[in-house]
Amino acid sequence: MNLDQLLPVAIAVAIMLLVGFPVHEFSHALAAYRLGDSTAKLYGRLSLNPIVHFDPLGGGLLALSFLASGGSFGFGWAKPTPVNPANLQGGRQSEALVAAAGPISNLIMAAAAALPLRYLLANPQLATQVPDIVIQVLYIFVIINVLLMVFNLVPIPPLDGSKVLFALLPPETAWRWRPVLEHYGFIILIFVFFFPPGNSIGGRILGPILDAILAILVGR
């Protein structure tokens, strides 16, 4: 990959680390705070300051994976927002709302970046007046946010989607399966998204979903 290809990916990843991840985690913290839990606020996480949300391993993996793939694929995470479900008003449903707030924020950010991008793509003459790197950064930023939104909604712990799943399941079923899934969740995720190499089960499931959402947002 040459510098012209690398630069827009690096810029989009930097924006994600400085804006995208903080907004995602802040959304968790704000939802929890509004629903009665001040844990995140007490830990200084009810903030858009990227420093308090930065996880060196997760941020590093996001940068490396997207740079290595040219902006088409990657994964990473911010520092998880602390939430005490016992403090939430509304029980399991509130826990699901707090969990869903993060992926929803990714969708909103993707849509916000997709609006000017789609307008430029629909007006080629105007697009020629805009530097190519701007269009590339917008597109990669949309991809990253859509990918993180869909991935986070996978119903396997420790991802946000698992808490949504547990809220939808009958209480007895959730009580029975939650400890098992939380204990083996990381192993399950590795198996689902890395095997078989290059054509994983998770990739085959999420790929068409990602393509459909990108088609709706970007229009191509």
C-alpha atoms as a PDB file:
ATOM      1  CA  MET A   1       0.000   0.000   0.000  1.00  0.00           C
ATOM      2  CA  ASN A   2       1.454   3.370  -1.029  1.00  0.00           C
ATOM      3  CA  LEU A   3       1.268   6.614   0.918  1.00  0.00           C
ATOM      4  CA  ASP A   4      -1.724   7.912  -1.049  1.00  0.00           C
ATOM      5  CA  GLN A   5      -3.718   4.841   0.002  1.00  0.00           C
ATOM      6  CA  LEU A   6      -2.383   4.763   3.548  1.00  0.00           C
ATOM      7  CA  LEU A   7      -3.002   8.412   4.466  1.00  0.00           C
ATOM      8  CA  PRO A   8      -6.835   8.484   4.263  1.00  0.00           C
ATOM      9  CA  VAL A   9      -7.043   5.254   6.287  1.00  0.00           C
ATOM     10  CA  ALA A  10      -4.715   6.695   8.934  1.00  0.00           C
ATOM     11  CA  ILE A  11      -6.762   9.915   9.116  1.00  0.00           C
ATOM     12  CA  ALA A  12     -10.067   8.022   9.421  1.00  0.00           C
ATOM     13  CA  VAL A  13      -8.651   5.778  12.148  1.00  0.00           C
ATOM     14  CA  ALA A  14      -7.329   8.835  14.019  1.00  0.00           C
ATOM     15  CA  ILE A  15     -10.779  10.461  13.840  1.00  0.00           C
ATOM     16  CA  MET A  16     -12.284   7.227  15.111  1.00  0.00           C
ATOM     17  CA  LEU A  17      -9.923   7.126  18.086  1.00  0.00           C
ATOM     18  CA  LEU A  18     -10.397  10.821  18.885  1.00  0.00           C
ATOM     19  CA  VAL A  19     -14.137  11.085  18.170  1.00  0.00           C
ATOM     20  CA  GLY A  20     -15.781   7.762  17.313  1.00  0.00           C
ATOM     21  CA  PHE A  21     -14.708   5.691  20.305  1.00  0.00           C
ATOM     22  CA  PRO A  22     -15.279   8.525  22.823  1.00  0.00           C
ATOM     23  CA  VAL A  23     -18.797   9.127  21.453  1.00  0.00           C
ATOM     24  CA  HIS A  24     -19.559   5.377  21.622  1.00  0.00           C
ATOM     25  CA  GLU A  25     -18.453   5.043  25.247  1.00  0.00           C
ATOM     26  CA  PHE A  26     -19.947   8.395  26.261  1.00  0.00           C
ATOM     27  CA  SER A  27     -23.274   7.162  24.881  1.00  0.00           C
ATOM     28  CA  HIS A  28     -23.110   4.121  27.164  1.00  0.00           C
ATOM     29  CA  ALA A  29     -22.231   6.345  30.136  1.00  0.00           C
ATOM     30  CA  LEU A  30     -24.947   8.904  29.390  1.00  0.00           C
ATOM     31  CA  ALA A  31     -27.644   6.256  28.945  1.00  0.00           C
ATOM     32  CA  ALA A  32     -26.634   4.613  32.226  1.00  0.00           C
ATOM     33  CA  TYR A  33     -26.589   7.961  34.039  1.00  0.00           C
ATOM     34  CA  ARG A  34     -30.032   8.898  32.721  1.00  0.00           C
ATOM     35  CA  LEU A  35     -31.344   5.513  33.849  1.00  0.00           C
ATOM     36  CA  GLY A  36     -30.037   5.894  37.391  1.00  0.00           C
ATOM     37  CA  ASP A  37     -26.474   4.565  37.433  1.00  0.00           C
ATOM     38  CA  SER A  38     -23.700   7.064  38.233  1.00  0.00           C
ATOM     39  CA  THR A  39     -20.835   4.551  38.113  1.00  0.00           C
ATOM     40  CA  ALA A  40     -19.418   5.827  34.826  1.00  0.00           C
ATOM     41  CA  LYS A  41     -19.644   9.422  36.036  1.00  0.00           C
ATOM     42  CA  LEU A  42     -17.791   8.550  39.243  1.00  0.00           C
ATOM     43  CA  TYR A  43     -14.994   7.025  37.152  1.00  0.00           C
ATOM     44  CA  GLY A  44     -14.781  10.117  34.955  1.00  0.00           C
ATOM     45  CA  ARG A  45     -16.251   8.352  31.927  1.00  0.00           C
ATOM     46  CA  LEU A  46     -19.241  10.658  31.409  1.00  0.00           C
ATOM     47  CA  SER A  47     -16.968  12.635  29.121  1.00  0.00           C
ATOM     48  CA  LEU A  48     -15.992  13.027  25.472  1.00  0.00           C
ATOM     49  CA  ASN A  49     -12.333  13.254  26.406  1.00  0.00           C
ATOM     50  CA  PRO A  50     -10.657  10.580  24.229  1.00  0.00           C
ATOM     51  CA  ILE A  51      -7.942   9.975  26.817  1.00  0.00           C
ATOM     52  CA  VAL A  52     -10.320   8.537  29.437  1.00  0.00           C
ATOM     53  CA  HIS A  53     -11.803   6.097  26.918  1.00  0.00           C
ATOM     54  CA  PHE A  54      -8.587   4.995  25.211  1.00  0.00           C
ATOM     55  CA  ASP A  55      -7.493   1.368  25.492  1.00  0.00           C
ATOM     56  CA  PRO A  56      -3.941   0.865  24.164  1.00  0.00           C
ATOM     57  CA  LEU A  57      -4.522  -2.710  22.981  1.00  0.00           C
ATOM     58  CA  GLY A  58      -7.948  -2.091  21.462  1.00  0.00           C
ATOM     59  CA  GLY A  59      -6.918   1.182  19.848  1.00  0.00           C
ATOM     60  CA  GLY A  60      -3.714  -0.333  18.529  1.00  0.00           C
ATOM     61  CA  LEU A  61      -5.550  -3.290  17.006  1.00  0.00           C
ATOM     62  CA  LEU A  62      -8.049  -0.946  15.339  1.00  0.00           C
ATOM     63  CA  ALA A  63      -5.215   1.027  13.744  1.00  0.00           C
ATOM     64  CA  LEU A  64      -3.188  -2.009  12.678  1.00  0.00           C
ATOM     65  CA  SER A  65      -6.111  -4.009  11.306  1.00  0.00           C
ATOM     66  CA  PHE A  66      -7.581  -1.177   9.252  1.00  0.00           C
ATOM     67  CA  LEU A  67      -4.203  -0.025   7.973  1.00  0.00           C
ATOM     68  CA  ALA A  68      -3.278  -3.594   7.013  1.00  0.00           C
ATOM     69  CA  SER A  69      -6.581  -4.103   5.185  1.00  0.00           C
ATOM     70  CA  GLY A  70      -6.543  -0.735   3.454  1.00  0.00           C
ATOM     71  CA  GLY A  71      -9.582   0.438   5.367  1.00  0.00           C
ATOM     72  CA  SER A  72     -11.864  -2.421   4.346  1.00  0.00           C
ATOM     73  CA  PHE A  73     -11.789  -4.467   7.526  1.00  0.00           C
ATOM     74  CA  GLY A  74     -10.648  -4.226  11.111  1.00  0.00           C
ATOM     75  CA  PHE A  75     -11.582  -4.487  14.734  1.00  0.00           C
ATOM     76  CA  GLY A  76     -10.727  -2.804  18.002  1.00  0.00           C
ATOM     77  CA  TRP A  77     -12.274  -1.400  21.119  1.00  0.00           C
ATOM     78  CA  ALA A  78     -12.167   1.406  23.640  1.00  0.00           C
ATOM     79  CA  LYS A  79     -11.953   1.016  27.405  1.00  0.00           C
ATOM     80  CA  PRO A  80     -15.281  -0.561  28.494  1.00  0.00           C
ATOM     81  CA  THR A  81     -17.621   1.826  30.298  1.00  0.00           C
ATOM     82  CA  PRO A  82     -18.321   0.666  33.872  1.00  0.00           C
ATOM     83  CA  VAL A  83     -22.021   0.093  34.525  1.00  0.00           C
ATOM     84  CA  ASN A  84     -23.720  -1.322  37.606  1.00  0.00           C
ATOM     85  CA  PRO A  85     -26.961  -2.958  36.393  1.00  0.00           C
ATOM     86  CA  ALA A  86     -28.286  -3.032  39.981  1.00  0.00           C
ATOM     87  CA  ASN A  87     -28.539   0.769  39.921  1.00  0.00           C
ATOM     88  CA  LEU A  88     -30.483   0.964  36.668  1.00  0.00           C
ATOM     89  CA  GLN A  89     -34.164   1.807  36.778  1.00  0.00           C
ATOM     90  CA  GLY A  90     -36.022  -0.749  34.703  1.00  0.00           C
ATOM     91  CA  GLY A  91     -33.924  -3.859  35.194  1.00  0.00           C
ATOM     92  CA  ARG A  92     -32.852  -5.923  32.186  1.00  0.00           C
ATOM     93  CA  GLN A  93     -34.559  -3.622  29.706  1.00  0.00           C
ATOM     94  CA  SER A  94     -32.522  -0.674  30.949  1.00  0.00           C
ATOM     95  CA  GLU A  95     -29.337  -2.714  30.721  1.00  0.00           C
ATOM     96  CA  ALA A  96     -30.222  -3.454  27.097  1.00  0.00           C
ATOM     97  CA  LEU A  97     -30.813   0.256  26.394  1.00  0.00           C
ATOM     98  CA  VAL A  98     -27.440   1.159  27.878  1.00  0.00           C
ATOM     99  CA  ALA A  99     -25.750  -1.528  25.794  1.00  0.00           C
ATOM    100  CA  ALA A 100     -27.542  -0.482  22.591  1.00  0.00           C
ATOM    101  CA  ALA A 101     -26.648   3.200  23.052  1.00  0.00           C
ATOM    102  CA  GLY A 102     -23.074   2.606  21.865  1.00  0.00           C
ATOM    103  CA  PRO A 103     -23.868   0.871  18.545  1.00  0.00           C
ATOM    104  CA  ILE A 104     -26.667   3.380  17.910  1.00  0.00           C
ATOM    105  CA  SER A 105     -24.127   6.193  18.251  1.00  0.00           C
ATOM    106  CA  ASN A 106     -21.978   4.448  15.617  1.00  0.00           C
ATOM    107  CA  LEU A 107     -24.939   4.368  13.246  1.00  0.00           C
ATOM    108  CA  ILE A 108     -25.577   8.070  13.827  1.00  0.00           C
ATOM    109  CA  MET A 109     -21.933   8.923  13.159  1.00  0.00           C
ATOM    110  CA  ALA A 110     -21.944   6.780  10.017  1.00  0.00           C
ATOM    111  CA  ALA A 111     -25.088   8.516   8.770  1.00  0.00           C
ATOM    112  CA  ALA A 112     -23.629  11.956   9.554  1.00  0.00           C
ATOM    113  CA  ALA A 113     -20.536  11.198   7.467  1.00  0.00           C
ATOM    114  CA  ALA A 114     -22.573   9.498   4.742  1.00  0.00           C
ATOM    115  CA  LEU A 115     -24.785  12.543   4.080  1.00  0.00           C
ATOM    116  CA  PRO A 116     -22.070  14.786   2.579  1.00  0.00           C
ATOM    117  CA  LEU A 117     -20.421  11.754   0.980  1.00  0.00           C
ATOM    118  CA  ARG A 118     -23.612  10.690  -0.757  1.00  0.00           C
ATOM    119  CA  TYR A 119     -24.258  14.254  -1.923  1.00  0.00           C
ATOM    120  CA  LEU A 120     -20.778  14.463  -3.430  1.00  0.00           C
ATOM    121  CA  LEU A 121     -21.108  11.094  -5.148  1.00  0.00           C
ATOM    122  CA  ALA A 122     -24.446  12.183  -6.624  1.00  0.00           C
ATOM    123  CA  ASN A 123     -22.874  15.375  -7.978  1.00  0.00           C
ATOM    124  CA  PRO A 124     -19.698  14.409  -9.858  1.00  0.00           C
ATOM    125  CA  GLN A 125     -18.944  17.984 -10.936  1.00  0.00           C
ATOM    126  CA  LEU A 126     -18.968  19.139  -7.326  1.00  0.00           C
ATOM    127  CA  ALA A 127     -16.978  16.111  -6.248  1.00  0.00           C
ATOM    128  CA  THR A 128     -14.155  17.077  -8.611  1.00  0.00           C
ATOM    129  CA  GLN A 129     -13.732  20.305  -6.629  1.00  0.00           C
ATOM    130  CA  VAL A 130     -13.221  18.393  -3.385  1.00  0.00           C
ATOM    131  CA  PRO A 131      -9.861  16.734  -2.669  1.00  0.00           C
ATOM    132  CA  ASP A 132     -10.030  12.967  -3.161  1.00  0.00           C
ATOM    133  CA  ILE A 133      -8.659  12.398   0.334  1.00  0.00           C
ATOM    134  CA  VAL A 134     -11.760  14.037   1.858  1.00  0.00           C
ATOM    135  CA  ILE A 135     -14.066  11.621   0.046  1.00  0.00           C
ATOM    136  CA  GLN A 136     -11.864   8.665   0.964  1.00  0.00           C
ATOM    137  CA  VAL A 137     -11.736   9.631   4.651  1.00  0.00           C
ATOM    138  CA  LEU A 138     -15.515  10.054   4.788  1.00  0.00           C
ATOM    139  CA  TYR A 139     -16.067   6.671   3.163  1.00  0.00           C
ATOM    140  CA  ILE A 140     -13.618   4.843   5.443  1.00  0.00           C
ATOM    141  CA  PHE A 141     -15.117   6.558   8.497  1.00  0.00           C
ATOM    142  CA  VAL A 142     -18.553   5.305   7.439  1.00  0.00           C
ATOM    143  CA  ILE A 143     -17.177   1.777   6.967  1.00  0.00           C
ATOM    144  CA  ILE A 144     -15.504   1.737  10.392  1.00  0.00           C
ATOM    145  CA  ASN A 145     -18.630   2.923  12.192  1.00  0.00           C
ATOM    146  CA  VAL A 146     -20.958   0.526  10.378  1.00  0.00           C
ATOM    147  CA  LEU A 147     -18.581  -2.363  11.000  1.00  0.00           C
ATOM    148  CA  LEU A 148     -18.290  -1.564  14.706  1.00  0.00           C
ATOM    149  CA  MET A 149     -22.042  -1.100  15.026  1.00  0.00           C
ATOM    150  CA  VAL A 150     -22.860  -4.462  13.447  1.00  0.00           C
ATOM    151  CA  PHE A 151     -20.033  -6.284  15.217  1.00  0.00           C
ATOM    152  CA  ASN A 152     -20.995  -4.866  18.621  1.00  0.00           C
ATOM    153  CA  LEU A 153     -24.567  -6.061  18.128  1.00  0.00           C
ATOM    154  CA  VAL A 154     -23.456  -9.692  17.754  1.00  0.00           C
ATOM    155  CA  PRO A 155     -25.218 -11.418  20.694  1.00  0.00           C
ATOM    156  CA  ILE A 156     -22.083 -12.964  22.207  1.00  0.00           C
ATOM    157  CA  PRO A 157     -20.430 -11.627  25.401  1.00  0.00           C
ATOM    158  CA  PRO A 158     -18.687  -9.319  25.993  1.00  0.00           C
ATOM    159  CA  LEU A 159     -20.253  -7.501  23.023  1.00  0.00           C
ATOM    160  CA  ASP A 160     -23.156  -5.087  23.523  1.00  0.00           C
ATOM    161  CA  GLY A 161     -25.531  -7.332  21.606  1.00  0.00           C
ATOM    162  CA  SER A 162     -25.323  -9.991  24.311  1.00  0.00           C
ATOM    163  CA  LYS A 163     -26.958  -7.681  26.855  1.00  0.00           C
ATOM    164  CA  VAL A 164     -29.715  -6.911  24.384  1.00  0.00           C
ATOM    165  CA  LEU A 165     -30.198 -10.655  23.848  1.00  0.00           C
ATOM    166  CA  PHE A 166     -30.372 -11.394  27.576  1.00  0.00           C
ATOM    167  CA  ALA A 167     -33.043  -8.712  27.972  1.00  0.00           C
ATOM    168  CA  LEU A 168     -35.165 -10.311  25.244  1.00  0.00           C
ATOM    169  CA  LEU A 169     -34.840 -13.868  26.532  1.00  0.00           C
ATOM    170  CA  PRO A 170     -37.163 -15.231  29.231  1.00  0.00           C
ATOM    171  CA  PRO A 171     -35.587 -14.545  32.657  1.00  0.00           C
ATOM    172  CA  GLU A 172     -35.015 -18.234  33.438  1.00  0.00           C
ATOM    173  CA  THR A 173     -33.311 -18.830  30.085  1.00  0.00           C
ATOM    174  CA  ALA A 174     -31.126 -15.744  30.493  1.00  0.00           C
ATOM    175  CA  TRP A 175     -30.213 -16.767  34.048  1.00  0.00           C
ATOM    176  CA  ARG A 176     -29.224 -20.246  32.849  1.00  0.00           C
ATOM    177  CA  TRP A 177     -27.193 -19.295  29.769  1.00  0.00           C
ATOM    178  CA  ARG A 178     -25.663 -15.938  30.696  1.00  0.00           C
ATOM    179  CA  PRO A 179     -22.879 -17.314  32.952  1.00  0.00           C
ATOM    180  CA  VAL A 180     -21.944 -19.923  30.341  1.00  0.00           C
ATOM    181  CA  LEU A 181     -21.826 -17.464  27.458  1.00  0.00           C
ATOM    182  CA  GLU A 182     -19.934 -14.879  29.504  1.00  0.00           C
ATOM    183  CA  HIS A 183     -17.364 -17.506  30.495  1.00  0.00           C
ATOM    184  CA  TYR A 184     -16.770 -18.809  26.971  1.00  0.00           C
ATOM    185  CA  GLY A 185     -17.801 -15.763  24.947  1.00  0.00           C
ATOM    186  CA  PHE A 186     -14.321 -14.633  23.930  1.00  0.00           C
ATOM    187  CA  ILE A 187     -13.417 -18.129  22.739  1.00  0.00           C
ATOM    188  CA  ILE A 188     -16.656 -18.328  20.759  1.00  0.00           C
ATOM    189  CA  LEU A 189     -15.926 -14.959  19.127  1.00  0.00           C
ATOM    190  CA  ILE A 190     -12.454 -16.086  18.066  1.00  0.00           C
ATOM    191  CA  PHE A 191     -13.865 -19.270  16.555  1.00  0.00           C
ATOM    192  CA  VAL A 192     -16.742 -17.500  14.778  1.00  0.00           C
ATOM    193  CA  PHE A 193     -14.690 -14.653  13.291  1.00  0.00           C
ATOM    194  CA  PHE A 194     -11.332 -16.293  12.605  1.00  0.00           C
ATOM    195  CA  PHE A 195     -12.227 -19.806  11.421  1.00  0.00           C
ATOM    196  CA  PRO A 196     -11.897 -20.904   8.782  1.00  0.00           C
ATOM    197  CA  PRO A 197      -9.132 -18.358   8.064  1.00  0.00           C
ATOM    198  CA  GLY A 198     -10.017 -15.942   5.287  1.00  0.00           C
ATOM    199  CA  ASN A 199     -13.623 -17.097   5.065  1.00  0.00           C
ATOM    200  CA  SER A 200     -14.901 -17.082   8.639  1.00  0.00           C
ATOM    201  CA  ILE A 201     -18.429 -17.965   9.671  1.00  0.00           C
ATOM    202  CA  GLY A 202     -18.914 -14.507  11.156  1.00  0.00           C
ATOM    203  CA  GLY A 203     -17.594 -12.809   8.040  1.00  0.00           C
ATOM    204  CA  ARG A 204     -20.031 -14.712   5.835  1.00  0.00           C
ATOM    205  CA  ILE A 205     -22.918 -13.705   8.109  1.00  0.00           C
ATOM    206  CA  LEU A 206     -22.011 -10.069   8.704  1.00  0.00           C
ATOM    207  CA  GLY A 207     -20.650  -9.330   5.218  1.00  0.00           C
ATOM    208  CA  PRO A 208     -24.042  -9.080   3.457  1.00  0.00           C
ATOM    209  CA  ILE A 209     -25.448  -7.045   6.380  1.00  0.00           C
ATOM    210  CA  LEU A 210     -22.564  -4.576   6.166  1.00  0.00           C
ATOM    211  CA  ASP A 211     -22.941  -4.287   2.386  1.00  0.00           C
ATOM    212  CA  ALA A 212     -26.685  -3.646   2.702  1.00  0.00           C
ATOM    213  CA  ILE A 213     -26.251  -0.899   5.311  1.00  0.00           C
ATOM    214  CA  LEU A 214     -23.455   0.756   3.319  1.00  0.00           C
ATOM    215  CA  ALA A 215     -25.631   0.661   0.208  1.00  0.00           C
ATOM    216  CA  ILE A 216     -28.426   2.430   2.086  1.00  0.00           C
ATOM    217  CA  LEU A 217     -26.144   5.055   3.609  1.00  0.00           C
ATOM    218  CA  VAL A 218     -23.811   5.759   0.723  1.00  0.00           C
ATOM    219  CA  GLY A 219     -26.026   4.746  -2.173  1.00  0.00           C
ATOM    220  CA  ARG A 220     -23.602   2.404  -3.881  1.00  0.00           C
END
